[in-house]
Amino acid sequence: WKNLTLTLPPDTNQQMARLKSITPEPSNVRLDKD
């Protein structure tokens, strides 16, 4: 068994992103060290 991560669209100097949905639902959403 293994935990895999998916990087979500970030806020940058030229964009602001708002997450609408993730299918299927993740076990956790967090910020990484970067």
PDB file of all heavy atoms in Angstrom:
ATOM      1  N   TRP A   1       0.848  -1.185   0.000  1.00  0.00           N
ATOM      2  CA  TRP A   1       0.000   0.000   0.000  1.00  0.00           C
ATOM      3  C   TRP A   1       0.891   1.246   0.000  1.00  0.00           C
ATOM      4  O   TRP A   1       1.928   1.273   0.657  1.00  0.00           O
ATOM      5  CB  TRP A   1      -0.909   0.013   1.233  1.00  0.00           C
ATOM      6  CG  TRP A   1      -2.058  -0.949   1.115  1.00  0.00           C
ATOM      7  CD1 TRP A   1      -2.059  -2.288   1.422  1.00  0.00           C
ATOM      8  CD2 TRP A   1      -3.352  -0.650   0.627  1.00  0.00           C
ATOM      9  NE1 TRP A   1      -3.260  -2.856   1.168  1.00  0.00           N
ATOM     10  CE2 TRP A   1      -4.100  -1.865   0.678  1.00  0.00           C
ATOM     11  CE3 TRP A   1      -3.978   0.491   0.153  1.00  0.00           C
ATOM     12  CZ2 TRP A   1      -5.431  -1.945   0.275  1.00  0.00           C
ATOM     13  CZ3 TRP A   1      -5.308   0.427  -0.229  1.00  0.00           C
ATOM     14  CH2 TRP A   1      -6.014  -0.774  -0.174  1.00  0.00           C
ATOM     15  N   LYS A   2       0.452   2.274  -0.720  1.00  0.00           N
ATOM     16  CA  LYS A   2       1.317   3.443  -0.872  1.00  0.00           C
ATOM     17  C   LYS A   2       0.481   4.726  -0.985  1.00  0.00           C
ATOM     18  O   LYS A   2      -0.606   4.725  -1.575  1.00  0.00           O
ATOM     19  CB  LYS A   2       2.182   3.298  -2.135  1.00  0.00           C
ATOM     20  CG  LYS A   2       3.321   4.290  -2.262  1.00  0.00           C
ATOM     21  CD  LYS A   2       4.202   3.929  -3.455  1.00  0.00           C
ATOM     22  CE  LYS A   2       5.382   4.864  -3.586  1.00  0.00           C
ATOM     23  NZ  LYS A   2       6.237   4.511  -4.752  1.00  0.00           N
ATOM     24  N   ASN A   3       1.001   5.819  -0.383  1.00  0.00           N
ATOM     25  CA  ASN A   3       0.373   7.133  -0.513  1.00  0.00           C
ATOM     26  C   ASN A   3       0.985   7.865  -1.707  1.00  0.00           C
ATOM     27  O   ASN A   3       2.203   8.067  -1.758  1.00  0.00           O
ATOM     28  CB  ASN A   3       0.578   7.973   0.748  1.00  0.00           C
ATOM     29  CG  ASN A   3      -0.266   7.476   1.905  1.00  0.00           C
ATOM     30  OD1 ASN A   3      -1.325   6.894   1.707  1.00  0.00           O
ATOM     31  ND2 ASN A   3       0.196   7.709   3.122  1.00  0.00           N
ATOM     32  N   LEU A   4       0.146   8.254  -2.660  1.00  0.00           N
ATOM     33  CA  LEU A   4       0.593   9.001  -3.826  1.00  0.00           C
ATOM     34  C   LEU A   4      -0.008  10.405  -3.771  1.00  0.00           C
ATOM     35  O   LEU A   4      -1.125  10.602  -3.271  1.00  0.00           O
ATOM     36  CB  LEU A   4       0.172   8.306  -5.123  1.00  0.00           C
ATOM     37  CG  LEU A   4       0.725   6.899  -5.330  1.00  0.00           C
ATOM     38  CD1 LEU A   4       0.208   6.317  -6.638  1.00  0.00           C
ATOM     39  CD2 LEU A   4       2.242   6.908  -5.330  1.00  0.00           C
ATOM     40  N   THR A   5       0.739  11.380  -4.279  1.00  0.00           N
ATOM     41  CA  THR A   5       0.282  12.773  -4.205  1.00  0.00           C
ATOM     42  C   THR A   5       0.093  13.357  -5.602  1.00  0.00           C
ATOM     43  O   THR A   5       0.785  12.972  -6.548  1.00  0.00           O
ATOM     44  CB  THR A   5       1.285  13.644  -3.429  1.00  0.00           C
ATOM     45  OG1 THR A   5       2.549  13.622  -4.092  1.00  0.00           O
ATOM     46  CG2 THR A   5       1.438  13.165  -2.005  1.00  0.00           C
ATOM     47  N   LEU A   6      -0.841  14.296  -5.691  1.00  0.00           N
ATOM     48  CA  LEU A   6      -1.116  15.005  -6.933  1.00  0.00           C
ATOM     49  C   LEU A   6      -1.067  16.501  -6.641  1.00  0.00           C
ATOM     50  O   LEU A   6      -1.785  16.993  -5.762  1.00  0.00           O
ATOM     51  CB  LEU A   6      -2.497  14.621  -7.478  1.00  0.00           C
ATOM     52  CG  LEU A   6      -2.971  15.342  -8.740  1.00  0.00           C
ATOM     53  CD1 LEU A   6      -2.083  14.984  -9.919  1.00  0.00           C
ATOM     54  CD2 LEU A   6      -4.419  14.989  -9.038  1.00  0.00           C
ATOM     55  N   THR A   7      -0.199  17.226  -7.370  1.00  0.00           N
ATOM     56  CA  THR A   7      -0.088  18.678  -7.167  1.00  0.00           C
ATOM     57  C   THR A   7      -1.254  19.372  -7.857  1.00  0.00           C
ATOM     58  O   THR A   7      -1.517  19.148  -9.039  1.00  0.00           O
ATOM     59  CB  THR A   7       1.241  19.205  -7.731  1.00  0.00           C
ATOM     60  OG1 THR A   7       2.321  18.529  -7.078  1.00  0.00           O
ATOM     61  CG2 THR A   7       1.375  20.700  -7.478  1.00  0.00           C
ATOM     62  N   LEU A   8      -1.943  20.244  -7.115  1.00  0.00           N
ATOM     63  CA  LEU A   8      -3.103  20.949  -7.643  1.00  0.00           C
ATOM     64  C   LEU A   8      -2.677  22.258  -8.284  1.00  0.00           C
ATOM     65  O   LEU A   8      -1.606  22.791  -7.967  1.00  0.00           O
ATOM     66  CB  LEU A   8      -4.103  21.212  -6.513  1.00  0.00           C
ATOM     67  CG  LEU A   8      -4.574  19.945  -5.769  1.00  0.00           C
ATOM     68  CD1 LEU A   8      -5.523  20.306  -4.647  1.00  0.00           C
ATOM     69  CD2 LEU A   8      -5.249  18.974  -6.739  1.00  0.00           C
ATOM     70  N   PRO A   9      -3.502  22.798  -9.214  1.00  0.00           N
ATOM     71  CA  PRO A   9      -3.129  24.065  -9.862  1.00  0.00           C
ATOM     72  C   PRO A   9      -2.843  25.147  -8.837  1.00  0.00           C
ATOM     73  O   PRO A   9      -3.685  25.421  -7.961  1.00  0.00           O
ATOM     74  CB  PRO A   9      -4.374  24.397 -10.699  1.00  0.00           C
ATOM     75  CG  PRO A   9      -4.995  23.072 -10.980  1.00  0.00           C
ATOM     76  CD  PRO A   9      -4.747  22.243  -9.747  1.00  0.00           C
ATOM     77  N   PRO A  10      -1.672  25.778  -8.910  1.00  0.00           N
ATOM     78  CA  PRO A  10      -1.268  26.726  -7.868  1.00  0.00           C
ATOM     79  C   PRO A  10      -1.654  28.167  -8.195  1.00  0.00           C
ATOM     80  O   PRO A  10      -2.013  28.493  -9.326  1.00  0.00           O
ATOM     81  CB  PRO A  10       0.260  26.595  -7.872  1.00  0.00           C
ATOM     82  CG  PRO A  10       0.567  26.344  -9.323  1.00  0.00           C
ATOM     83  CD  PRO A  10      -0.581  25.538  -9.865  1.00  0.00           C
ATOM     84  N   ASP A  11      -1.578  29.047  -7.205  1.00  0.00           N
ATOM     85  CA  ASP A  11      -1.639  30.490  -7.432  1.00  0.00           C
ATOM     86  C   ASP A  11      -0.243  30.946  -7.854  1.00  0.00           C
ATOM     87  O   ASP A  11       0.746  30.580  -7.213  1.00  0.00           O
ATOM     88  CB  ASP A  11      -2.040  31.237  -6.158  1.00  0.00           C
ATOM     89  CG  ASP A  11      -3.523  31.070  -5.840  1.00  0.00           C
ATOM     90  OD1 ASP A  11      -4.271  30.618  -6.725  1.00  0.00           O
ATOM     91  OD2 ASP A  11      -3.928  31.388  -4.721  1.00  0.00           O
ATOM     92  N   THR A  12      -0.163  31.701  -8.918  1.00  0.00           N
ATOM     93  CA  THR A  12       1.120  32.228  -9.380  1.00  0.00           C
ATOM     94  C   THR A  12       0.981  33.717  -9.609  1.00  0.00           C
ATOM     95  O   THR A  12      -0.064  34.312  -9.335  1.00  0.00           O
ATOM     96  CB  THR A  12       1.565  31.546 -10.694  1.00  0.00           C
ATOM     97  OG1 THR A  12       0.667  31.933 -11.749  1.00  0.00           O
ATOM     98  CG2 THR A  12       1.563  30.040 -10.563  1.00  0.00           C
ATOM     99  N   ASN A  13       2.035  34.307 -10.143  1.00  0.00           N
ATOM    100  CA  ASN A  13       2.002  35.736 -10.410  1.00  0.00           C
ATOM    101  C   ASN A  13       0.955  36.098 -11.458  1.00  0.00           C
ATOM    102  O   ASN A  13       0.462  37.217 -11.502  1.00  0.00           O
ATOM    103  CB  ASN A  13       3.381  36.210 -10.886  1.00  0.00           C
ATOM    104  CG  ASN A  13       3.443  37.708 -11.022  1.00  0.00           C
ATOM    105  OD1 ASN A  13       3.022  38.429 -10.143  1.00  0.00           O
ATOM    106  ND2 ASN A  13       3.960  38.185 -12.141  1.00  0.00           N
ATOM    107  N   GLN A  14       0.577  35.168 -12.333  1.00  0.00           N
ATOM    108  CA  GLN A  14      -0.363  35.458 -13.403  1.00  0.00           C
ATOM    109  C   GLN A  14      -1.680  34.703 -13.282  1.00  0.00           C
ATOM    110  O   GLN A  14      -2.501  34.756 -14.189  1.00  0.00           O
ATOM    111  CB  GLN A  14       0.275  35.162 -14.763  1.00  0.00           C
ATOM    112  CG  GLN A  14       1.411  36.103 -15.096  1.00  0.00           C
ATOM    113  CD  GLN A  14       1.840  35.968 -16.544  1.00  0.00           C
ATOM    114  OE1 GLN A  14       1.217  35.286 -17.329  1.00  0.00           O
ATOM    115  NE2 GLN A  14       2.912  36.639 -16.897  1.00  0.00           N
ATOM    116  N   GLN A  15      -1.903  33.985 -12.184  1.00  0.00           N
ATOM    117  CA  GLN A  15      -3.177  33.298 -12.066  1.00  0.00           C
ATOM    118  C   GLN A  15      -3.556  33.085 -10.608  1.00  0.00           C
ATOM    119  O   GLN A  15      -2.702  32.967  -9.735  1.00  0.00           O
ATOM    120  CB  GLN A  15      -3.153  31.955 -12.792  1.00  0.00           C
ATOM    121  CG  GLN A  15      -2.309  30.881 -12.090  1.00  0.00           C
ATOM    122  CD  GLN A  15      -2.374  29.550 -12.806  1.00  0.00           C
ATOM    123  OE1 GLN A  15      -2.438  29.486 -14.016  1.00  0.00           O
ATOM    124  NE2 GLN A  15      -2.370  28.468 -12.049  1.00  0.00           N
ATOM    125  N   MET A  16      -4.882  33.080 -10.365  1.00  0.00           N
ATOM    126  CA  MET A  16      -5.439  32.716  -9.066  1.00  0.00           C
ATOM    127  C   MET A  16      -6.384  31.543  -9.301  1.00  0.00           C
ATOM    128  O   MET A  16      -7.271  31.613 -10.156  1.00  0.00           O
ATOM    129  CB  MET A  16      -6.181  33.890  -8.432  1.00  0.00           C
ATOM    130  CG  MET A  16      -5.280  35.054  -8.052  1.00  0.00           C
ATOM    131  SD  MET A  16      -6.186  36.375  -7.208  1.00  0.00           S
ATOM    132  CE  MET A  16      -6.638  35.526  -5.688  1.00  0.00           C
ATOM    133  N   ALA A  17      -6.158  30.460  -8.592  1.00  0.00           N
ATOM    134  CA  ALA A  17      -6.915  29.232  -8.824  1.00  0.00           C
ATOM    135  C   ALA A  17      -7.822  28.915  -7.631  1.00  0.00           C
ATOM    136  O   ALA A  17      -7.431  29.085  -6.472  1.00  0.00           O
ATOM    137  CB  ALA A  17      -5.954  28.072  -9.070  1.00  0.00           C
ATOM    138  N   ARG A  18      -9.068  28.450  -7.937  1.00  0.00           N
ATOM    139  CA  ARG A  18      -9.996  28.022  -6.904  1.00  0.00           C
ATOM    140  C   ARG A  18     -10.475  26.623  -7.249  1.00  0.00           C
ATOM    141  O   ARG A  18     -11.080  26.400  -8.303  1.00  0.00           O
ATOM    142  CB  ARG A  18     -11.187  28.974  -6.787  1.00  0.00           C
ATOM    143  CG  ARG A  18     -12.121  28.648  -5.626  1.00  0.00           C
ATOM    144  CD  ARG A  18     -13.155  29.726  -5.468  1.00  0.00           C
ATOM    145  NE  ARG A  18     -14.136  29.706  -6.545  1.00  0.00           N
ATOM    146  CZ  ARG A  18     -15.251  28.974  -6.530  1.00  0.00           C
ATOM    147  NH1 ARG A  18     -15.505  28.174  -5.505  1.00  0.00           N
ATOM    148  NH2 ARG A  18     -16.094  29.024  -7.537  1.00  0.00           N
ATOM    149  N   LEU A  19     -10.203  25.685  -6.367  1.00  0.00           N
ATOM    150  CA  LEU A  19     -10.542  24.288  -6.604  1.00  0.00           C
ATOM    151  C   LEU A  19     -12.055  24.084  -6.519  1.00  0.00           C
ATOM    152  O   LEU A  19     -12.691  24.458  -5.531  1.00  0.00           O
ATOM    153  CB  LEU A  19      -9.829  23.409  -5.584  1.00  0.00           C
ATOM    154  CG  LEU A  19      -9.982  21.909  -5.743  1.00  0.00           C
ATOM    155  CD1 LEU A  19      -9.350  21.444  -7.042  1.00  0.00           C
ATOM    156  CD2 LEU A  19      -9.363  21.192  -4.552  1.00  0.00           C
ATOM    157  N   LYS A  20     -12.642  23.500  -7.577  1.00  0.00           N
ATOM    158  CA  LYS A  20     -14.084  23.230  -7.583  1.00  0.00           C
ATOM    159  C   LYS A  20     -14.381  21.817  -7.103  1.00  0.00           C
ATOM    160  O   LYS A  20     -15.252  21.602  -6.265  1.00  0.00           O
ATOM    161  CB  LYS A  20     -14.660  23.423  -8.990  1.00  0.00           C
ATOM    162  CG  LYS A  20     -14.760  24.870  -9.437  1.00  0.00           C
ATOM    163  CD  LYS A  20     -15.542  24.979 -10.738  1.00  0.00           C
ATOM    164  CE  LYS A  20     -17.000  24.561 -10.539  1.00  0.00           C
ATOM    165  NZ  LYS A  20     -17.784  24.741 -11.791  1.00  0.00           N
ATOM    166  N   SER A  21     -13.644  20.832  -7.645  1.00  0.00           N
ATOM    167  CA  SER A  21     -13.917  19.442  -7.245  1.00  0.00           C
ATOM    168  C   SER A  21     -12.728  18.549  -7.551  1.00  0.00           C
ATOM    169  O   SER A  21     -11.929  18.844  -8.443  1.00  0.00           O
ATOM    170  CB  SER A  21     -15.160  18.909  -7.972  1.00  0.00           C
ATOM    171  OG  SER A  21     -14.925  18.859  -9.371  1.00  0.00           O
ATOM    172  N   ILE A  22     -12.625  17.457  -6.764  1.00  0.00           N
ATOM    173  CA  ILE A  22     -11.648  16.397  -7.025  1.00  0.00           C
ATOM    174  C   ILE A  22     -12.408  15.079  -6.971  1.00  0.00           C
ATOM    175  O   ILE A  22     -13.062  14.763  -5.959  1.00  0.00           O
ATOM    176  CB  ILE A  22     -10.504  16.369  -5.992  1.00  0.00           C
ATOM    177  CG1 ILE A  22      -9.794  17.706  -5.925  1.00  0.00           C
ATOM    178  CG2 ILE A  22      -9.513  15.265  -6.336  1.00  0.00           C
ATOM    179  CD1 ILE A  22      -8.643  17.719  -4.922  1.00  0.00           C
ATOM    180  N   THR A  23     -12.343  14.289  -8.045  1.00  0.00           N
ATOM    181  CA  THR A  23     -13.036  13.006  -8.105  1.00  0.00           C
ATOM    182  C   THR A  23     -12.041  11.910  -8.477  1.00  0.00           C
ATOM    183  O   THR A  23     -11.387  12.010  -9.520  1.00  0.00           O
ATOM    184  CB  THR A  23     -14.169  13.041  -9.149  1.00  0.00           C
ATOM    185  OG1 THR A  23     -15.020  14.155  -8.879  1.00  0.00           O
ATOM    186  CG2 THR A  23     -14.989  11.765  -9.111  1.00  0.00           C
ATOM    187  N   PRO A  24     -11.902  10.857  -7.633  1.00  0.00           N
ATOM    188  CA  PRO A  24     -12.556  10.641  -6.337  1.00  0.00           C
ATOM    189  C   PRO A  24     -11.980  11.532  -5.241  1.00  0.00           C
ATOM    190  O   PRO A  24     -10.954  12.175  -5.447  1.00  0.00           O
ATOM    191  CB  PRO A  24     -12.275   9.171  -6.063  1.00  0.00           C
ATOM    192  CG  PRO A  24     -10.976   8.918  -6.751  1.00  0.00           C
ATOM    193  CD  PRO A  24     -11.005   9.755  -7.988  1.00  0.00           C
ATOM    194  N   GLU A  25     -12.629  11.555  -4.106  1.00  0.00           N
ATOM    195  CA  GLU A  25     -12.189  12.400  -3.002  1.00  0.00           C
ATOM    196  C   GLU A  25     -10.863  11.904  -2.434  1.00  0.00           C
ATOM    197  O   GLU A  25     -10.697  10.703  -2.183  1.00  0.00           O
ATOM    198  CB  GLU A  25     -13.261  12.417  -1.906  1.00  0.00           C
ATOM    199  CG  GLU A  25     -12.947  13.381  -0.778  1.00  0.00           C
ATOM    200  CD  GLU A  25     -14.068  13.436   0.236  1.00  0.00           C
ATOM    201  OE1 GLU A  25     -15.155  12.872  -0.046  1.00  0.00           O
ATOM    202  OE2 GLU A  25     -13.857  14.022   1.300  1.00  0.00           O
ATOM    203  N   PRO A  26      -9.896  12.790  -2.232  1.00  0.00           N
ATOM    204  CA  PRO A  26      -8.586  12.367  -1.686  1.00  0.00           C
ATOM    205  C   PRO A  26      -8.682  12.050  -0.195  1.00  0.00           C
ATOM    206  O   PRO A  26      -9.629  12.477   0.484  1.00  0.00           O
ATOM    207  CB  PRO A  26      -7.701  13.581  -1.940  1.00  0.00           C
ATOM    208  CG  PRO A  26      -8.653  14.736  -1.926  1.00  0.00           C
ATOM    209  CD  PRO A  26      -9.927  14.233  -2.525  1.00  0.00           C
ATOM    210  N   SER A  27      -7.705  11.314   0.287  1.00  0.00           N
ATOM    211  CA  SER A  27      -7.660  11.018   1.721  1.00  0.00           C
ATOM    212  C   SER A  27      -7.198  12.221   2.531  1.00  0.00           C
ATOM    213  O   SER A  27      -7.520  12.350   3.716  1.00  0.00           O
ATOM    214  CB  SER A  27      -6.719   9.835   1.974  1.00  0.00           C
ATOM    215  OG  SER A  27      -5.402  10.141   1.493  1.00  0.00           O
ATOM    216  N   ASN A  28      -6.477  13.144   1.876  1.00  0.00           N
ATOM    217  CA  ASN A  28      -5.972  14.324   2.585  1.00  0.00           C
ATOM    218  C   ASN A  28      -5.526  15.373   1.565  1.00  0.00           C
ATOM    219  O   ASN A  28      -5.082  15.034   0.462  1.00  0.00           O
ATOM    220  CB  ASN A  28      -4.778  13.944   3.477  1.00  0.00           C
ATOM    221  CG  ASN A  28      -4.283  15.111   4.301  1.00  0.00           C
ATOM    222  OD1 ASN A  28      -5.071  15.956   4.709  1.00  0.00           O
ATOM    223  ND2 ASN A  28      -2.988  15.164   4.546  1.00  0.00           N
ATOM    224  N   VAL A  29      -5.687  16.651   1.929  1.00  0.00           N
ATOM    225  CA  VAL A  29      -5.169  17.758   1.132  1.00  0.00           C
ATOM    226  C   VAL A  29      -4.286  18.601   2.031  1.00  0.00           C
ATOM    227  O   VAL A  29      -4.714  19.006   3.123  1.00  0.00           O
ATOM    228  CB  VAL A  29      -6.309  18.632   0.543  1.00  0.00           C
ATOM    229  CG1 VAL A  29      -5.716  19.812  -0.229  1.00  0.00           C
ATOM    230  CG2 VAL A  29      -7.208  17.811  -0.380  1.00  0.00           C
ATOM    231  N   ARG A  30      -3.051  18.859   1.611  1.00  0.00           N
ATOM    232  CA  ARG A  30      -2.098  19.555   2.472  1.00  0.00           C
ATOM    233  C   ARG A  30      -1.142  20.401   1.641  1.00  0.00           C
ATOM    234  O   ARG A  30      -1.136  20.333   0.404  1.00  0.00           O
ATOM    235  CB  ARG A  30      -1.288  18.554   3.291  1.00  0.00           C
ATOM    236  CG  ARG A  30      -0.454  17.608   2.430  1.00  0.00           C
ATOM    237  CD  ARG A  30       0.390  16.650   3.254  1.00  0.00           C
ATOM    238  NE  ARG A  30       1.100  15.715   2.403  1.00  0.00           N
ATOM    239  CZ  ARG A  30       2.254  15.984   1.780  1.00  0.00           C
ATOM    240  NH1 ARG A  30       2.819  17.177   1.921  1.00  0.00           N
ATOM    241  NH2 ARG A  30       2.853  15.067   1.041  1.00  0.00           N
ATOM    242  N   LEU A  31      -0.339  21.200   2.332  1.00  0.00           N
ATOM    243  CA  LEU A  31       0.723  21.977   1.692  1.00  0.00           C
ATOM    244  C   LEU A  31       2.038  21.234   1.876  1.00  0.00           C
ATOM    245  O   LEU A  31       2.360  20.765   2.981  1.00  0.00           O
ATOM    246  CB  LEU A  31       0.833  23.371   2.321  1.00  0.00           C
ATOM    247  CG  LEU A  31      -0.325  24.344   2.063  1.00  0.00           C
ATOM    248  CD1 LEU A  31      -0.094  25.634   2.833  1.00  0.00           C
ATOM    249  CD2 LEU A  31      -0.450  24.652   0.578  1.00  0.00           C
ATOM    250  N   ASP A  32       2.825  21.142   0.817  1.00  0.00           N
ATOM    251  CA  ASP A  32       4.138  20.522   0.967  1.00  0.00           C
ATOM    252  C   ASP A  32       5.160  21.561   1.435  1.00  0.00           C
ATOM    253  O   ASP A  32       4.824  22.729   1.651  1.00  0.00           O
ATOM    254  CB  ASP A  32       4.578  19.839  -0.338  1.00  0.00           C
ATOM    255  CG  ASP A  32       4.818  20.821  -1.472  1.00  0.00           C
ATOM    256  OD1 ASP A  32       4.776  22.042  -1.234  1.00  0.00           O
ATOM    257  OD2 ASP A  32       5.045  20.363  -2.600  1.00  0.00           O
ATOM    258  N   LYS A  33       6.413  21.176   1.569  1.00  0.00           N
ATOM    259  CA  LYS A  33       7.434  22.067   2.105  1.00  0.00           C
ATOM    260  C   LYS A  33       7.718  23.261   1.208  1.00  0.00           C
ATOM    261  O   LYS A  33       8.260  24.272   1.649  1.00  0.00           O
ATOM    262  CB  LYS A  33       8.727  21.292   2.372  1.00  0.00           C
ATOM    263  CG  LYS A  33       9.350  20.689   1.119  1.00  0.00           C
ATOM    264  CD  LYS A  33      10.620  19.919   1.446  1.00  0.00           C
ATOM    265  CE  LYS A  33      11.241  19.341   0.183  1.00  0.00           C
ATOM    266  NZ  LYS A  33      12.497  18.597   0.493  1.00  0.00           N
ATOM    267  N   ASP A  34       7.360  23.133  -0.090  1.00  0.00           N
ATOM    268  CA  ASP A  34       7.575  24.241  -1.030  1.00  0.00           C
ATOM    269  C   ASP A  34       6.366  25.159  -1.133  1.00  0.00           C
ATOM    270  O   ASP A  34       6.366  26.106  -1.925  1.00  0.00           O
ATOM    271  CB  ASP A  34       7.923  23.701  -2.414  1.00  0.00           C
ATOM    272  CG  ASP A  34       9.225  22.938  -2.429  1.00  0.00           C
ATOM    273  OD1 ASP A  34      10.161  23.366  -1.732  1.00  0.00           O
ATOM    274  OD2 ASP A  34       9.293  21.923  -3.134  1.00  0.00           O
TER     275      ASP A  34
END
